[in-house]
Structure formats: structure tokens, C-alpha cells
Protein backbone atom coordinates (compact mmCIF):
# COMPACT_ATOMS: atom_id res chain seq x y z
CA MET A 1 21.48 -76.90 -166.70
CA PHE A 2 20.53 -80.05 -169.04
CA GLU A 3 19.92 -83.66 -168.44
CA LYS A 4 21.63 -85.93 -170.39
CA LYS A 5 18.94 -87.91 -171.52
CA TYR A 6 17.13 -85.00 -172.90
CA LEU A 7 20.02 -83.43 -174.95
CA LYS A 8 19.38 -84.34 -177.82
CA THR A 9 15.42 -83.45 -177.48
CA TRP A 10 16.48 -80.26 -176.79
CA LEU A 11 19.46 -80.12 -179.28
CA LEU A 12 16.21 -81.01 -182.31
CA THR A 13 13.51 -78.82 -180.45
CA VAL A 14 16.01 -75.80 -180.94
CA PHE A 15 16.93 -76.53 -184.38
CA ALA A 16 12.93 -76.92 -185.37
CA ILE A 17 12.49 -73.69 -184.00
CA GLU A 18 15.53 -71.94 -185.73
CA THR A 19 14.73 -73.58 -188.91
CA LEU A 20 11.12 -71.98 -188.13
CA CYS A 21 12.28 -68.47 -187.74
CA CYS A 22 14.08 -68.19 -190.85
CA THR A 23 12.26 -70.05 -193.40
CA TYR A 24 8.48 -70.59 -193.04
CA GLY A 25 7.81 -68.44 -189.75
CA LEU A 26 8.64 -65.15 -191.90
CA LYS A 27 5.55 -65.16 -193.81
CA LEU A 28 4.02 -64.14 -190.81
CA ILE A 29 5.21 -60.25 -191.49
CA SER A 30 3.67 -58.59 -188.94
CA TYR A 31 5.80 -60.83 -186.20
CA THR A 32 9.12 -60.49 -188.09
CA GLY A 33 10.21 -58.58 -184.69
CA ILE A 34 9.44 -61.30 -182.16
CA LEU A 35 11.04 -64.07 -184.82
CA SER A 36 14.58 -62.11 -185.18
CA LEU A 37 14.48 -61.96 -181.44
CA ILE A 38 13.24 -65.91 -181.32
CA TYR A 39 16.02 -67.08 -184.02
CA PHE A 40 18.75 -65.29 -181.82
CA ALA A 41 17.86 -66.96 -179.08
CA SER A 42 17.71 -70.31 -181.07
CA GLY A 43 20.94 -69.83 -182.53
CA ILE A 44 22.75 -69.04 -179.40
CA THR A 45 21.08 -72.18 -177.90
CA ILE A 46 22.32 -74.21 -179.88
CA ALA A 47 26.04 -73.49 -179.18
CA LEU A 48 25.53 -73.85 -175.32
CA LEU A 49 23.62 -77.28 -176.00
CA ILE A 50 26.64 -78.16 -178.20
CA ILE A 51 28.79 -78.19 -175.24
CA PHE A 52 27.26 -80.51 -173.08
CA PHE A 53 27.75 -83.56 -175.48
CA PRO A 54 30.85 -85.79 -175.59
CA GLU A 55 33.57 -84.31 -177.19
CA ILE A 56 33.28 -85.90 -181.16
CA LYS A 57 37.54 -87.01 -182.20
CA LYS A 58 36.37 -87.83 -185.77
CA ILE A 59 34.40 -87.24 -188.55
CA PRO A 60 31.39 -88.83 -188.18
CA SER A 61 30.45 -91.60 -190.58
CA PRO A 62 28.07 -94.25 -190.73
CA LYS A 63 29.63 -97.85 -190.99
CA ILE A 64 28.99 -99.11 -194.73
CA ARG A 65 27.93 -102.19 -195.16
CA PHE A 66 26.07 -103.62 -198.45
CA ASN A 67 24.46 -106.42 -196.90
CA SER A 68 22.31 -103.76 -195.07
CA PRO A 69 19.39 -101.97 -196.99
CA VAL A 70 20.69 -98.48 -195.37
CA PRO A 71 23.45 -98.00 -198.27
CA TYR A 72 20.91 -98.58 -200.81
CA PHE A 73 18.56 -95.97 -199.17
CA ARG A 74 21.28 -93.32 -199.40
CA LEU A 75 21.57 -93.93 -202.94
CA ILE A 76 17.96 -93.68 -203.62
CA LEU A 77 17.62 -90.49 -201.30
CA CYS A 78 20.68 -88.81 -202.96
CA ILE A 79 19.34 -90.10 -206.36
CA VAL A 80 15.67 -88.53 -205.82
CA MET A 81 17.29 -85.29 -204.40
CA ILE A 82 19.57 -84.41 -207.22
CA THR A 83 16.96 -84.89 -209.41
CA ILE A 84 14.08 -82.76 -207.60
CA VAL A 85 17.22 -80.16 -207.29
CA TYR A 86 17.73 -80.31 -210.82
CA LEU A 87 14.01 -79.97 -211.80
CA ILE A 88 13.70 -76.68 -209.63
CA VAL A 89 16.40 -75.10 -210.19
CA ARG A 90 16.00 -75.19 -214.25
CA TYR A 91 12.48 -73.60 -213.83
CA TRP A 92 14.02 -70.92 -211.35
CA LEU A 93 17.00 -70.16 -214.10
CA ASP A 94 14.17 -69.79 -216.59
CA GLN A 95 12.19 -67.69 -215.20
CA ILE A 96 14.72 -65.31 -213.35
CA PRO A 97 17.62 -64.44 -215.54
CA LEU A 98 21.18 -63.50 -214.58
CA ASP A 99 20.82 -59.81 -215.03
CA THR A 100 22.03 -56.60 -212.92
CA ASP A 101 18.28 -55.72 -212.84
CA PHE A 102 17.41 -58.35 -210.51
CA ALA A 103 20.80 -58.76 -208.68
CA ASP A 104 24.61 -57.77 -209.84
CA MET A 105 26.48 -60.75 -207.54
CA LEU A 106 26.95 -63.32 -210.10
CA PRO A 107 27.25 -61.00 -213.05
CA VAL A 108 30.40 -59.26 -211.22
CA ILE A 109 31.51 -62.52 -210.49
CA LYS A 110 31.32 -63.80 -214.24
CA VAL A 111 33.02 -60.58 -215.29
CA MET A 112 36.07 -61.26 -212.64
CA ASN A 113 36.69 -65.00 -213.57
CA GLN A 114 36.15 -63.43 -217.14
CA ARG A 115 39.22 -61.85 -216.13
CA PHE A 116 41.08 -64.17 -214.38
CA ILE A 117 40.85 -67.07 -217.34
CA GLY A 118 42.34 -64.06 -219.82
CA GLY A 119 45.34 -63.54 -217.79
CA HIS A 120 44.49 -60.21 -216.79
CA TRP A 121 45.56 -61.45 -213.23
CA LYS A 122 46.31 -57.49 -212.07
CA HIS A 123 43.40 -56.26 -213.28
CA ILE A 124 40.49 -58.16 -211.76
CA TYR A 125 39.26 -55.75 -208.88
CA ASP A 126 39.54 -52.94 -211.63
CA THR A 127 36.11 -51.25 -212.06
CA ILE A 128 33.36 -53.14 -214.32
CA PRO A 129 32.43 -50.43 -216.87
CA SER A 130 29.66 -52.38 -218.21
CA ILE A 131 27.48 -52.96 -214.70
CA TRP A 132 25.87 -49.78 -213.13
CA ASN A 133 28.28 -47.14 -215.12
CA GLY A 134 31.53 -48.22 -213.32
CA THR A 135 31.54 -50.81 -210.48
CA ARG A 136 34.25 -52.15 -207.75
CA PRO A 137 34.53 -56.22 -207.44
CA VAL A 138 34.43 -56.32 -203.75
CA TYR A 139 34.37 -60.26 -203.95
CA LEU A 140 37.72 -62.32 -202.12
CA PRO A 141 39.42 -65.21 -204.16
CA ALA A 142 37.29 -68.22 -202.32
CA MET A 143 33.97 -66.73 -203.28
CA TRP A 144 34.55 -65.70 -207.30
CA LEU A 145 37.10 -68.32 -208.21
CA PRO A 146 34.80 -72.03 -207.65
CA PHE A 147 32.71 -70.55 -210.24
CA ALA A 148 35.14 -70.07 -213.24
CA PRO A 149 34.06 -73.55 -214.83
CA SER A 150 30.74 -71.79 -215.79
CA VAL A 151 32.83 -69.41 -217.88
CA ILE A 152 35.11 -72.14 -219.21
CA PHE A 153 32.40 -74.61 -220.49
CA ASN A 154 29.74 -71.77 -220.85
CA PHE A 155 27.03 -72.40 -218.08
CA ASP A 156 24.99 -70.77 -216.34
CA PRO A 157 26.93 -70.12 -213.00
CA ARG A 158 24.02 -70.66 -210.82
CA TRP A 159 24.45 -74.38 -211.28
CA ILE A 160 27.84 -74.26 -208.89
CA THR A 161 25.18 -72.63 -206.28
CA ALA A 162 23.24 -75.57 -206.90
CA ALA A 163 26.15 -78.23 -207.32
CA CYS A 164 27.26 -77.26 -203.62
CA PHE A 165 23.71 -77.34 -202.01
CA VAL A 166 23.50 -80.81 -203.43
CA PHE A 167 26.78 -81.74 -202.05
CA VAL A 168 25.86 -80.72 -198.48
CA PHE A 169 22.54 -82.10 -198.40
CA GLY A 170 24.18 -85.54 -199.39
CA LEU A 171 26.59 -84.89 -196.79
CA PHE A 172 24.08 -85.05 -194.26
CA LEU A 173 22.58 -88.00 -195.55
CA PHE A 174 25.74 -89.90 -195.33
CA ILE A 175 25.83 -89.17 -191.37
CA LEU A 176 22.49 -89.99 -190.59
CA ASP A 177 21.83 -92.48 -188.21
CA PHE A 178 19.15 -94.82 -188.99
CA LYS A 179 19.10 -96.92 -186.48
CA LYS A 180 17.66 -93.91 -184.11
CA THR A 181 14.37 -94.27 -186.30
CA GLY A 182 12.68 -91.35 -184.06
CA GLN A 183 15.50 -89.22 -184.27
CA THR A 184 16.18 -89.79 -187.97
CA ILE A 185 12.81 -89.17 -189.02
CA THR A 186 12.71 -85.97 -186.89
CA ILE A 187 15.67 -84.39 -188.00
CA MET A 188 15.02 -85.56 -192.05
CA LEU A 189 11.82 -83.84 -191.47
CA ILE A 190 13.53 -80.48 -190.05
CA ALA A 191 15.91 -81.05 -193.45
CA ILE A 192 13.40 -81.10 -195.68
CA LEU A 193 11.56 -78.13 -194.54
CA LEU A 194 14.63 -76.17 -195.28
CA PHE A 195 15.14 -77.75 -198.08
CA TRP A 196 12.06 -77.31 -199.50
CA TRP A 197 11.99 -73.70 -198.53
CA LEU A 198 15.49 -73.23 -200.39
CA LEU A 199 13.88 -74.50 -203.76
CA SER A 200 10.55 -73.54 -203.82
CA GLU A 201 10.58 -70.05 -201.96
CA ASN A 202 13.28 -68.17 -204.19
CA GLU A 203 11.54 -65.33 -204.76
CA ASP A 204 11.41 -64.41 -201.15
CA HIS A 205 15.39 -64.93 -200.85
CA GLY A 206 17.08 -65.77 -203.56
CA PHE A 207 19.55 -68.66 -202.33
CA LEU A 208 19.36 -70.50 -205.52
CA SER A 209 18.12 -68.29 -208.34
CA LEU A 210 20.30 -64.60 -207.47
CA SER A 211 22.81 -65.84 -205.06
CA GLU A 212 26.88 -66.96 -205.15
CA GLU A 213 26.04 -68.55 -200.89
CA GLY A 214 26.18 -71.86 -201.91
CA VAL A 215 29.87 -71.71 -201.84
CA VAL A 216 29.59 -70.28 -198.35
CA VAL A 217 27.46 -72.73 -197.02
CA LEU A 218 29.88 -75.61 -198.84
CA TYR A 219 32.72 -73.81 -197.00
CA TYR A 220 31.59 -73.24 -193.64
CA THR A 221 29.66 -76.64 -193.08
CA LEU A 222 33.33 -78.49 -194.44
CA LEU A 223 34.52 -76.20 -191.65
CA VAL A 224 32.41 -78.13 -189.05
CA PHE A 225 33.52 -81.67 -190.01
CA ALA A 226 36.98 -80.38 -189.86
CA LEU A 227 36.53 -79.62 -186.23
CA PHE A 228 34.92 -82.92 -185.79
CA SER A 229 38.40 -84.47 -187.25
CA GLY A 230 40.62 -82.01 -185.03
CA ASN A 231 42.98 -81.85 -187.93
CA ILE A 232 44.65 -79.10 -187.42
CA VAL A 233 45.85 -78.24 -191.29
CA ALA A 234 42.25 -78.50 -192.55
CA ILE A 235 41.07 -76.11 -190.39
CA GLY A 236 43.14 -73.69 -190.81
CA ILE A 237 42.51 -74.41 -194.78
CA LEU A 238 39.02 -74.17 -194.16
CA THR A 239 38.98 -71.24 -191.95
CA SER A 240 41.16 -69.47 -194.42
CA LEU A 241 38.64 -70.48 -197.22
CA CYS A 242 35.57 -69.31 -195.02
CA MET A 243 37.31 -66.23 -194.81
CA LEU A 244 38.02 -65.24 -197.95
CA SER A 245 34.56 -65.91 -198.73
CA ARG A 246 32.54 -64.34 -196.25
CA TYR A 247 34.12 -63.81 -193.14
CA ALA A 248 30.94 -64.15 -191.18
CA LEU A 249 33.93 -66.11 -188.73
CA ILE A 250 36.31 -63.22 -188.37
CA GLY A 251 35.48 -62.94 -184.51
CA TRP A 252 35.98 -66.58 -184.30
CA ILE A 253 39.81 -66.91 -185.19
CA PRO A 254 40.97 -64.90 -182.37
CA ALA A 255 38.50 -67.33 -180.05
CA PHE A 256 39.94 -70.60 -182.16
CA LEU A 257 43.84 -69.33 -181.26
CA LEU A 258 42.49 -68.84 -177.34
CA TYR A 259 40.81 -71.93 -177.21
CA LEU A 260 43.86 -73.61 -178.44
CA LEU A 261 46.32 -71.49 -176.00
CA LEU A 262 44.09 -72.33 -172.82
CA GLN A 263 44.79 -75.72 -173.79
CA LYS A 264 48.10 -75.45 -174.64
CA GLN A 265 48.44 -76.45 -177.91
CA LYS A 266 50.85 -73.84 -178.88
CA ARG A 267 52.04 -76.39 -182.11
CA LYS A 268 48.35 -76.30 -183.05
CA ALA A 269 48.10 -72.80 -183.04
CA ALA A 270 51.28 -71.63 -184.55
CA VAL A 271 50.60 -74.61 -187.31
CA PHE A 272 46.86 -73.08 -187.95
CA ILE A 273 48.71 -69.40 -188.42
CA VAL A 274 51.12 -70.09 -190.67
CA THR A 275 48.55 -72.30 -192.75
CA GLY A 276 46.05 -69.10 -192.34
CA ILE A 277 49.00 -66.91 -193.84
CA PHE A 278 50.32 -69.54 -196.73
CA CYS A 279 46.52 -69.60 -198.10
CA PHE A 280 45.63 -65.65 -197.88
CA LEU A 281 49.49 -64.95 -200.02
CA VAL A 282 48.71 -68.23 -202.39
CA LEU A 283 44.76 -67.60 -202.84
CA PHE A 284 45.43 -63.60 -202.66
CA ILE A 285 48.38 -61.68 -202.23
CA LEU A 286 50.20 -63.40 -204.96
CA PRO A 287 48.71 -63.79 -207.82
CA PHE A 288 46.44 -60.53 -208.06
CA GLY A 289 48.79 -57.96 -205.37
CA TRP A 290 48.63 -55.84 -202.38
CA LYS A 291 46.44 -53.35 -203.61
CA PRO A 292 43.00 -54.68 -204.23
CA PHE A 293 43.67 -56.27 -199.76
CA VAL A 294 43.83 -52.60 -199.61
CA GLN A 295 40.75 -51.50 -200.55
CA LEU A 296 38.64 -53.84 -199.52
CA THR A 297 39.75 -53.45 -196.23
CA GLN A 298 38.16 -49.91 -196.58
CA LEU A 299 34.81 -52.05 -197.33
CA PRO A 300 32.95 -51.25 -193.92
CA GLY A 301 32.45 -47.60 -195.00
CA TYR A 302 30.84 -48.92 -198.28
CA TYR A 303 28.59 -51.27 -196.09
CA VAL A 304 27.18 -48.17 -194.13
CA ASN A 305 26.64 -46.24 -196.90
CA PHE A 306 25.44 -49.25 -198.77
CA ALA A 307 22.62 -49.66 -196.23
CA LYS A 308 21.50 -46.11 -196.38
CA ILE A 309 20.61 -46.57 -200.02
CA VAL A 310 18.92 -49.67 -199.06
CA TRP A 311 17.08 -48.84 -196.43
CA LYS A 312 15.96 -45.84 -198.77
CA ASP A 313 15.16 -47.95 -201.79
CA SER A 314 13.99 -51.18 -200.36
CA ARG A 315 12.86 -51.27 -196.66
CA GLN A 316 11.55 -55.18 -196.76
CA VAL A 317 14.82 -56.26 -196.71
CA PHE A 318 15.21 -55.70 -193.18
CA TRP A 319 11.67 -56.48 -192.67
CA LEU A 320 11.68 -59.58 -194.47
CA SER A 321 14.54 -61.48 -192.18
CA PRO A 322 15.84 -62.05 -189.22
CA GLY A 323 18.36 -59.53 -188.64
CA PHE A 324 18.33 -56.90 -185.88
CA ALA A 325 19.00 -54.02 -187.97
CA LYS A 326 15.08 -53.23 -187.80
CA PHE A 327 15.26 -52.33 -184.74
CA TYR A 328 17.69 -49.54 -185.23
CA GLY A 329 16.37 -48.06 -188.08
CA SER A 330 17.94 -45.91 -190.49
CA GLU A 331 18.67 -43.38 -188.21
CA LYS A 332 21.44 -45.60 -186.30
CA ILE A 333 23.36 -47.79 -188.92
CA ILE A 334 26.50 -46.81 -187.56
CA LEU A 335 25.56 -47.76 -184.48
CA LEU A 336 24.65 -51.21 -185.70
CA HIS A 337 27.61 -51.26 -187.44
CA ARG A 338 29.57 -50.60 -184.15
CA THR A 339 27.56 -53.02 -182.30
CA LEU A 340 28.42 -55.55 -184.65
CA ILE A 341 32.14 -55.35 -184.85
CA LEU A 342 32.17 -54.76 -180.73
CA LEU A 343 30.19 -58.57 -180.36
CA THR A 344 31.49 -60.52 -183.44
CA PHE A 345 35.54 -60.37 -181.59
CA LEU A 346 34.20 -59.72 -178.43
CA MET A 347 31.65 -62.76 -177.61
CA PRO A 348 32.75 -65.48 -179.20
CA SER A 349 36.94 -65.17 -177.03
CA LEU A 350 34.11 -64.10 -173.89
CA PHE A 351 32.59 -67.47 -174.23
CA VAL A 352 35.48 -69.87 -175.21
CA TRP A 353 37.50 -68.20 -171.74
CA PHE A 354 34.44 -69.16 -169.63
CA CYS A 355 34.18 -72.50 -170.59
CA SER A 356 37.99 -73.46 -170.81
CA HIS A 357 39.49 -71.19 -168.56
CA PRO A 358 42.20 -72.90 -166.57
CA GLY A 359 40.29 -72.17 -163.13
CA LYS A 360 37.01 -74.25 -164.37
CA LYS A 361 36.75 -77.20 -162.82
CA LYS A 362 34.20 -79.40 -165.33
CA LYS A 363 35.37 -78.72 -168.33
CA ALA A 364 32.95 -78.45 -171.54
CA ALA A 365 33.42 -80.06 -174.57
CA ASN A 366 32.94 -79.63 -178.52
CA ILE A 367 34.32 -75.49 -177.40
CA PRO A 368 35.41 -74.36 -180.79
CA LEU A 369 32.23 -75.67 -183.01
CA ALA A 370 30.26 -74.09 -180.13
CA ALA A 371 31.80 -71.02 -180.76
CA LEU A 372 31.93 -71.01 -184.48
CA LYS A 373 27.70 -70.93 -184.16
CA ILE A 374 28.20 -68.16 -181.46
CA SER A 375 30.36 -66.63 -184.36
CA VAL A 376 27.99 -66.86 -187.15
CA VAL A 377 25.03 -66.07 -185.31
CA ILE A 378 25.99 -62.86 -183.92
CA PHE A 379 27.69 -61.67 -187.35
CA TYR A 380 24.66 -62.17 -189.00
CA ASN A 381 21.88 -61.15 -186.79
CA PHE A 382 24.14 -57.81 -186.53
CA ILE A 383 24.77 -57.40 -190.25
CA ASP A 384 24.27 -54.13 -191.95
CA VAL A 385 21.86 -54.98 -194.98
CA PRO A 386 19.91 -58.75 -193.63
CA TYR A 387 19.22 -60.16 -196.91
CA LEU A 388 17.93 -63.74 -196.10
CA TYR A 389 20.32 -65.60 -198.55
CA LEU A 390 23.14 -64.50 -196.04
CA PHE A 391 21.32 -66.56 -193.18
CA TYR A 392 21.38 -70.13 -194.27
CA THR A 393 24.92 -70.90 -193.24
CA SER A 394 23.69 -70.53 -189.88
CA SER A 395 21.40 -73.20 -190.77
CA PHE A 396 23.33 -75.55 -192.56
CA ILE A 397 26.26 -75.14 -189.72
CA SER A 398 23.16 -75.97 -187.28
CA LEU A 399 21.97 -78.92 -189.74
CA ILE A 400 25.19 -81.01 -189.59
CA ALA A 401 26.46 -80.36 -186.06
CA THR A 402 23.33 -81.77 -185.60
CA ALA A 403 23.09 -84.87 -187.60
CA SER A 404 26.78 -85.48 -186.04
CA LEU A 405 25.86 -84.92 -182.56
CA LEU A 406 22.70 -87.45 -182.54
CA LYS A 407 25.06 -89.55 -183.11
CA SER A 408 26.84 -89.33 -179.72
CA GLU A 409 26.94 -92.25 -177.26
CA ASN A 410 26.09 -92.26 -173.77
CA VAL A 411 23.56 -89.26 -174.05
């Protein structure tokens, strides 16, 4: 289907298209419908291209030799990046206060951490009377717990998001292969476009100024590295952290188990399941009880009702993002939600079966990573309320996967 010698060029091209569609392309407001379709197609194409690359069986990392200028160049880039992020984030934090009138996510998370630090563990998921005359927290532990240091040391929680942002871009710089100049320059330009959009256009997406999404990006990025490493315990732990933050990969879990079973890796499947259950118990059930979990299982119905409110009060949310909700409209929210559930669970498993079923003569590579990308693309494109800041988890998966695959030999 794809000639090997053009694989890297195709991957870089499609990644550039995907990035444009969820960044500066959205400025073309009249064309957001077309951009949504292109964005979805490019995300799925990235997943398909991934399986044609040679299998990566270890965490991509450069050989550090201090007798060459490359390590020093990486260090300089990191220092420049940290400086830029600090100055711009400080500006946005001064311009946009942490207030429920702008967004209530971080104020809710702050109260949850105050209760946690105060030892009121059984009341963390109780209603918060001071926010919207009583709102019930809906965030899973791996989402709100990383913000505890901001309460302990009394600093703005958005610095946690900024730190995750810097760390993920630092990982990207670390795995770049500076020997392949043309490819490196191309992917760096794409990364700079994404980097600058997230820093400079906060009024459009609120990724750094209003959201907690940096934590989610960190978990999903580290899961990509874990998949490359093949360490099933690390995969299990990071899958749990992803699920207990933003469960966009919920349809990937059965697909990954199917992959392990088709590969006759029953022991790994068992370790994956046990690790996941252990993390779920330790991070959620044991400290906070069963009742909050039962409450959170009722969230799908809440999101349908919430989507109706957003359609009424903030219709621009649907038109100024790559999500497909705009095509369904306010009258077909339930149909959209059912489509989301069906495709989220069905498509990743079908993809895994097609790529690795026992009767297939030529086996594809990097199937779990490709299935993860498909899962995330489908989940966010069909999500009920497509806030723009949600879509950048998929962008960072593409960034790290592309940078890693560009290091492949014999392609």
C-alpha cells in the first residue's frame, strides 16, 4: 500500500495536516466542517502508517556523546523552551484569573485537593456549595491528585499544566534524531507550530490558562513510550493513569487484550489485568470508597444533558473545534452519544483483529500504538462536547510517535 522509501515523508505530511487542522486552520471559521473531516482522516491515516514501520521494541533514545555538539544543542533548546513557556504562561495567568466565571475545572480540582490534604477523604466527591450553588466533582483521582502540590505550596495550579507541557516537549527534543537533518527540521517546524499555538492562542483553546489537560497529555505520552518499551507492568500502570484521568482510551483496553491473546501472550494479558485492577483499587476504591465510583459511572447521562446546555449557551464550542458534534446538531445529541460508544469499543478491536488475526500471512507492526491512536481519534471526534483543549492529547501522541518512528532504520 505504501512504498517503504516514502513512509517517513507520508507520516510527516499527514502529521503536518493533522496539526494544521487543530491549530491555525481553525481560524478559517467558514471551513471548520471540512477541516473536521480532514482532521479525522489524517488521524486515522497516521494510525495506518504506523503499522508499516518496523517494530520498535525499546524506548527511543539518542546515544549521548558529550564530545559532539548535539547534547549541548538539546540543552540550549530546552532552556529556551522553558524560558518562553515561563514568560508567556505568566502573562496568561495575569490576564485570565482562576475563576469559575471563565472555567470551573481547576477551582473544583482545588477544592478536591483541599479536602484530600485536610484528611476528608470520604467527602472529596461531596457537593461543593461554593461553586455554582452546589456542584458535584466529576474528576477521577489521576486527574486531580497531581495538582495537590499547588495547594500545599500555595501556587497557581496552572503551573502544573505548564510543567507537564514543558516535560512532554522536553521528551520530544530528547528523542529527536539530529543526524537526519531534513526530517528533523520538518518535524521541529510542525512541533514549533503546535508549541506556539498552545502558548499564544489561549483565548481560543484555554489549554494552559484554563484547563487541567496537561496532566492527561503527560500520561498518554508516557503510555506511548511504555508501548515502545514492551514493559507490560509500565503499560498497565500508565493505562490505569490514563483511564483515571481522561478515559479516551477505554475502547483500546479490550483491543489491547485481544492483541495479547492473538499473540498468545496470556501471561502478559494477566499481568496487564492484575496491574490495572491493583491501580484502580489503590488510587480510587481503597482511599475514596465505592460510592464515588458508582456516581461517576452515571456520568454518560450527565454529559448528554450537559451537551444540551452548551448547545443553548455556547454554540461556538461545536463549530470552533474539529469535533463531529456540529454535524449532528442539538437535536441528535443522543444519536451522537450512541455512535461514540459503539465506535469507541468496536473500531479498535476490529482494527487489531484485521491486523493480527491468526490467518493473516503478513503481520503488521506497532499494532497497539496504532490502535491507541485510532481509539483517541474516534473518541474525541465523536465526543458530546468537543472543547478544543481536549484534542491536543491526540496531537502529542502523534508528535512522540512520529519522532520515534523517524528513527527507524531500513525505511
